[in-house]
């Protein structure tokens, strides 16, 4: 599920950003009800974040992903009825270092109502669903920073 990045710099660190991981609503042909998202909050803590989705080449190797693409980790998730699952994205490693200026520029652009790149977060999830309605999020595999 793709969510436009909603960012704020967290106090005390230029490499930690408040993000909305997922919102209630429809994505990829499935409906994500608020109560399902609220129940999934514990599953989001400690989830790895990658730059971009796994490519076709990535999917040919064991584990699908490369450590070179790790940009951070999701920490302190919580449920906010008006926004969805809110957490902090703590950037780490080389990919996180490279991503930091872009995210800082997005924060600045949003604060000054300037145009900004259409960057978002995309949650890679395993879900149980009945038809198009998600009944439960069983596992959060990753939260990717994507265009």
C-alpha atoms as a PDB file:
ATOM      1  CA  UNK A   1       0.000   0.000   0.000  1.00  0.00           C
ATOM      2  CA  UNK A   2       1.550   3.304  -1.135  1.00  0.00           C
ATOM      3  CA  UNK A   3       1.271   6.310   1.169  1.00  0.00           C
ATOM      4  CA  UNK A   4       2.565   9.752   0.224  1.00  0.00           C
ATOM      5  CA  UNK A   5       5.337  10.590   2.652  1.00  0.00           C
ATOM      6  CA  UNK A   6       4.020  12.706   5.484  1.00  0.00           C
ATOM      7  CA  UNK A   7       7.130  13.812   7.329  1.00  0.00           C
ATOM      8  CA  UNK A   8       8.309  15.820  10.259  1.00  0.00           C
ATOM      9  CA  UNK A   9      11.815  15.824  11.685  1.00  0.00           C
ATOM     10  CA  UNK A  10      11.711  14.148  15.093  1.00  0.00           C
ATOM     11  CA  UNK A  11      13.212  16.121  17.950  1.00  0.00           C
ATOM     12  CA  UNK A  12      16.852  15.402  18.671  1.00  0.00           C
ATOM     13  CA  UNK A  13      17.867  13.778  15.386  1.00  0.00           C
ATOM     14  CA  UNK A  14      18.191  14.896  11.795  1.00  0.00           C
ATOM     15  CA  UNK A  15      18.112  11.241  10.739  1.00  0.00           C
ATOM     16  CA  UNK A  16      14.796  10.357  12.322  1.00  0.00           C
ATOM     17  CA  UNK A  17      11.485  11.323  10.755  1.00  0.00           C
ATOM     18  CA  UNK A  18       7.876  10.987  11.831  1.00  0.00           C
ATOM     19  CA  UNK A  19       6.016   9.123   9.092  1.00  0.00           C
ATOM     20  CA  UNK A  20       2.583   7.737   8.334  1.00  0.00           C
ATOM     21  CA  UNK A  21       3.181   4.088   7.412  1.00  0.00           C
ATOM     22  CA  UNK A  22      -0.334   3.279   6.239  1.00  0.00           C
ATOM     23  CA  UNK A  23      -3.789   4.847   6.211  1.00  0.00           C
ATOM     24  CA  UNK A  24      -7.214   3.251   6.195  1.00  0.00           C
ATOM     25  CA  UNK A  25      -8.712   2.959   2.750  1.00  0.00           C
ATOM     26  CA  UNK A  26      -8.317   1.208  -0.576  1.00  0.00           C
ATOM     27  CA  UNK A  27      -4.972   0.231  -2.109  1.00  0.00           C
ATOM     28  CA  UNK A  28      -3.910  -2.431  -4.595  1.00  0.00           C
ATOM     29  CA  UNK A  29      -7.525  -3.559  -4.923  1.00  0.00           C
ATOM     30  CA  UNK A  30      -7.947  -4.215  -1.193  1.00  0.00           C
ATOM     31  CA  UNK A  31      -9.810  -2.285   1.504  1.00  0.00           C
ATOM     32  CA  UNK A  32      -7.870  -1.690   4.748  1.00  0.00           C
ATOM     33  CA  UNK A  33     -10.382  -0.943   7.552  1.00  0.00           C
ATOM     34  CA  UNK A  34      -9.292   1.271  10.465  1.00  0.00           C
ATOM     35  CA  UNK A  35      -9.853  -1.467  13.061  1.00  0.00           C
ATOM     36  CA  UNK A  36      -7.565  -3.871  11.160  1.00  0.00           C
ATOM     37  CA  UNK A  37      -4.799  -1.284  10.988  1.00  0.00           C
ATOM     38  CA  UNK A  38      -5.183  -0.383  14.656  1.00  0.00           C
ATOM     39  CA  UNK A  39      -4.870  -4.057  15.641  1.00  0.00           C
ATOM     40  CA  UNK A  40      -1.664  -4.392  13.603  1.00  0.00           C
ATOM     41  CA  UNK A  41       0.335  -1.656  15.380  1.00  0.00           C
ATOM     42  CA  UNK A  42       2.711  -4.052  17.230  1.00  0.00           C
ATOM     43  CA  UNK A  43       3.697  -5.683  13.917  1.00  0.00           C
ATOM     44  CA  UNK A  44       5.242  -2.448  12.627  1.00  0.00           C
ATOM     45  CA  UNK A  45       7.836  -1.964  15.376  1.00  0.00           C
ATOM     46  CA  UNK A  46      11.347  -2.807  14.204  1.00  0.00           C
ATOM     47  CA  UNK A  47      10.406  -3.354  10.549  1.00  0.00           C
ATOM     48  CA  UNK A  48      13.245  -2.750   8.088  1.00  0.00           C
ATOM     49  CA  UNK A  49      12.910   0.036   5.549  1.00  0.00           C
ATOM     50  CA  UNK A  50      14.485  -0.203   2.098  1.00  0.00           C
ATOM     51  CA  UNK A  51      15.143   2.314  -0.664  1.00  0.00           C
ATOM     52  CA  UNK A  52      12.801   1.288  -3.497  1.00  0.00           C
ATOM     53  CA  UNK A  53      10.941  -1.982  -3.931  1.00  0.00           C
ATOM     54  CA  UNK A  54      12.777  -5.190  -4.700  1.00  0.00           C
ATOM     55  CA  UNK A  55      13.611  -5.308  -8.406  1.00  0.00           C
ATOM     56  CA  UNK A  56      13.168  -8.288 -10.707  1.00  0.00           C
ATOM     57  CA  UNK A  57      16.870  -9.047 -10.228  1.00  0.00           C
ATOM     58  CA  UNK A  58      16.486  -8.793  -6.431  1.00  0.00           C
ATOM     59  CA  UNK A  59      13.715 -11.375  -6.573  1.00  0.00           C
ATOM     60  CA  UNK A  60      16.055 -13.916  -8.204  1.00  0.00           C
ATOM     61  CA  UNK A  61      18.295 -14.211  -5.138  1.00  0.00           C
ATOM     62  CA  UNK A  62      17.650 -15.711  -1.727  1.00  0.00           C
ATOM     63  CA  UNK A  63      15.988 -13.218   0.605  1.00  0.00           C
ATOM     64  CA  UNK A  64      15.118 -10.937  -2.338  1.00  0.00           C
ATOM     65  CA  UNK A  65      16.808  -7.871  -0.825  1.00  0.00           C
ATOM     66  CA  UNK A  66      20.335  -6.548  -0.450  1.00  0.00           C
ATOM     67  CA  UNK A  67      21.751  -4.996   2.702  1.00  0.00           C
ATOM     68  CA  UNK A  68      22.936  -2.152   0.432  1.00  0.00           C
ATOM     69  CA  UNK A  69      19.287  -1.108   0.093  1.00  0.00           C
ATOM     70  CA  UNK A  70      18.551  -0.942   3.838  1.00  0.00           C
ATOM     71  CA  UNK A  71      17.861   2.685   4.725  1.00  0.00           C
ATOM     72  CA  UNK A  72      16.356   2.420   8.182  1.00  0.00           C
ATOM     73  CA  UNK A  73      13.987   0.912  10.676  1.00  0.00           C
ATOM     74  CA  UNK A  74      10.440   1.749  11.771  1.00  0.00           C
ATOM     75  CA  UNK A  75      10.212   2.469  15.515  1.00  0.00           C
ATOM     76  CA  UNK A  76       7.537   3.500  18.012  1.00  0.00           C
ATOM     77  CA  UNK A  77       4.436   2.856  15.894  1.00  0.00           C
ATOM     78  CA  UNK A  78       1.080   4.066  17.167  1.00  0.00           C
ATOM     79  CA  UNK A  79      -2.479   4.377  15.918  1.00  0.00           C
ATOM     80  CA  UNK A  80      -3.996   7.789  15.207  1.00  0.00           C
ATOM     81  CA  UNK A  81      -7.602   7.675  14.040  1.00  0.00           C
ATOM     82  CA  UNK A  82      -7.197  10.755  11.827  1.00  0.00           C
ATOM     83  CA  UNK A  83      -3.917   9.674  10.187  1.00  0.00           C
ATOM     84  CA  UNK A  84      -3.415   5.910  10.448  1.00  0.00           C
ATOM     85  CA  UNK A  85      -0.300   4.143  11.724  1.00  0.00           C
ATOM     86  CA  UNK A  86       2.238   6.790  12.668  1.00  0.00           C
ATOM     87  CA  UNK A  87       5.833   5.901  13.536  1.00  0.00           C
ATOM     88  CA  UNK A  88       9.377   7.188  13.417  1.00  0.00           C
ATOM     89  CA  UNK A  89      11.594   6.179  10.525  1.00  0.00           C
ATOM     90  CA  UNK A  90      15.129   5.985  11.917  1.00  0.00           C
ATOM     91  CA  UNK A  91      17.562   6.156   9.003  1.00  0.00           C
ATOM     92  CA  UNK A  92      20.653   3.955   9.153  1.00  0.00           C
ATOM     93  CA  UNK A  93      23.569   2.889   6.994  1.00  0.00           C
ATOM     94  CA  UNK A  94      24.811   4.292   3.730  1.00  0.00           C
ATOM     95  CA  UNK A  95      21.400   4.232   2.041  1.00  0.00           C
ATOM     96  CA  UNK A  96      19.964   6.126   5.015  1.00  0.00           C
ATOM     97  CA  UNK A  97      22.741   8.711   4.756  1.00  0.00           C
ATOM     98  CA  UNK A  98      21.974   9.191   1.070  1.00  0.00           C
ATOM     99  CA  UNK A  99      18.229   9.461   1.731  1.00  0.00           C
ATOM    100  CA  UNK A 100      18.500  11.998   4.572  1.00  0.00           C
ATOM    101  CA  UNK A 101      18.969  15.135   2.393  1.00  0.00           C
ATOM    102  CA  UNK A 102      15.961  14.217   0.238  1.00  0.00           C
ATOM    103  CA  UNK A 103      13.693  13.705   3.254  1.00  0.00           C
ATOM    104  CA  UNK A 104      14.963  16.905   4.888  1.00  0.00           C
ATOM    105  CA  UNK A 105      14.198  18.780   1.647  1.00  0.00           C
ATOM    106  CA  UNK A 106      10.693  17.274   1.608  1.00  0.00           C
ATOM    107  CA  UNK A 107      10.090  18.446   5.184  1.00  0.00           C
ATOM    108  CA  UNK A 108      11.315  21.937   4.286  1.00  0.00           C
ATOM    109  CA  UNK A 109       9.181  22.072   1.126  1.00  0.00           C
ATOM    110  CA  UNK A 110       6.050  21.013   2.999  1.00  0.00           C
ATOM    111  CA  UNK A 111       6.675  23.572   5.759  1.00  0.00           C
ATOM    112  CA  UNK A 112       6.960  26.360   3.188  1.00  0.00           C
ATOM    113  CA  UNK A 113       4.218  25.066   0.844  1.00  0.00           C
ATOM    114  CA  UNK A 114       6.738  24.607  -1.967  1.00  0.00           C
ATOM    115  CA  UNK A 115       6.467  21.874  -4.612  1.00  0.00           C
ATOM    116  CA  UNK A 116       8.123  18.616  -3.585  1.00  0.00           C
ATOM    117  CA  UNK A 117       8.919  15.299  -5.266  1.00  0.00           C
ATOM    118  CA  UNK A 118       6.167  12.698  -5.058  1.00  0.00           C
ATOM    119  CA  UNK A 119       7.989  10.373  -2.666  1.00  0.00           C
ATOM    120  CA  UNK A 120       6.063   7.895  -0.553  1.00  0.00           C
ATOM    121  CA  UNK A 121       6.174   4.850   1.651  1.00  0.00           C
ATOM    122  CA  UNK A 122       4.965   1.486   0.485  1.00  0.00           C
ATOM    123  CA  UNK A 123       4.224  -1.248   2.982  1.00  0.00           C
ATOM    124  CA  UNK A 124       5.033  -4.806   1.926  1.00  0.00           C
ATOM    125  CA  UNK A 125       2.426  -6.846   3.818  1.00  0.00           C
ATOM    126  CA  UNK A 126       1.091 -10.355   4.237  1.00  0.00           C
ATOM    127  CA  UNK A 127      -2.653 -10.056   4.803  1.00  0.00           C
ATOM    128  CA  UNK A 128      -5.691 -12.259   5.304  1.00  0.00           C
ATOM    129  CA  UNK A 129      -8.675 -11.032   3.319  1.00  0.00           C
ATOM    130  CA  UNK A 130     -12.225 -11.992   2.472  1.00  0.00           C
ATOM    131  CA  UNK A 131     -12.765 -10.838  -1.069  1.00  0.00           C
ATOM    132  CA  UNK A 132     -11.385  -7.324  -1.235  1.00  0.00           C
ATOM    133  CA  UNK A 133     -11.686  -6.559   2.487  1.00  0.00           C
ATOM    134  CA  UNK A 134      -8.567  -7.129   4.601  1.00  0.00           C
ATOM    135  CA  UNK A 135      -9.442  -9.082   7.749  1.00  0.00           C
ATOM    136  CA  UNK A 136      -5.978  -9.008   9.352  1.00  0.00           C
ATOM    137  CA  UNK A 137      -2.428  -7.928   8.683  1.00  0.00           C
ATOM    138  CA  UNK A 138      -0.425 -11.058   9.422  1.00  0.00           C
ATOM    139  CA  UNK A 139       3.070  -9.700   8.862  1.00  0.00           C
ATOM    140  CA  UNK A 140       4.774  -6.450   7.878  1.00  0.00           C
ATOM    141  CA  UNK A 141       7.711  -7.455   5.680  1.00  0.00           C
ATOM    142  CA  UNK A 142       9.097  -3.986   4.950  1.00  0.00           C
ATOM    143  CA  UNK A 143       8.257  -0.324   4.606  1.00  0.00           C
ATOM    144  CA  UNK A 144       9.943   0.898   1.425  1.00  0.00           C
ATOM    145  CA  UNK A 145      10.708   4.501   0.475  1.00  0.00           C
ATOM    146  CA  UNK A 146       9.528   4.799  -3.129  1.00  0.00           C
ATOM    147  CA  UNK A 147       8.477   7.176  -5.899  1.00  0.00           C
END
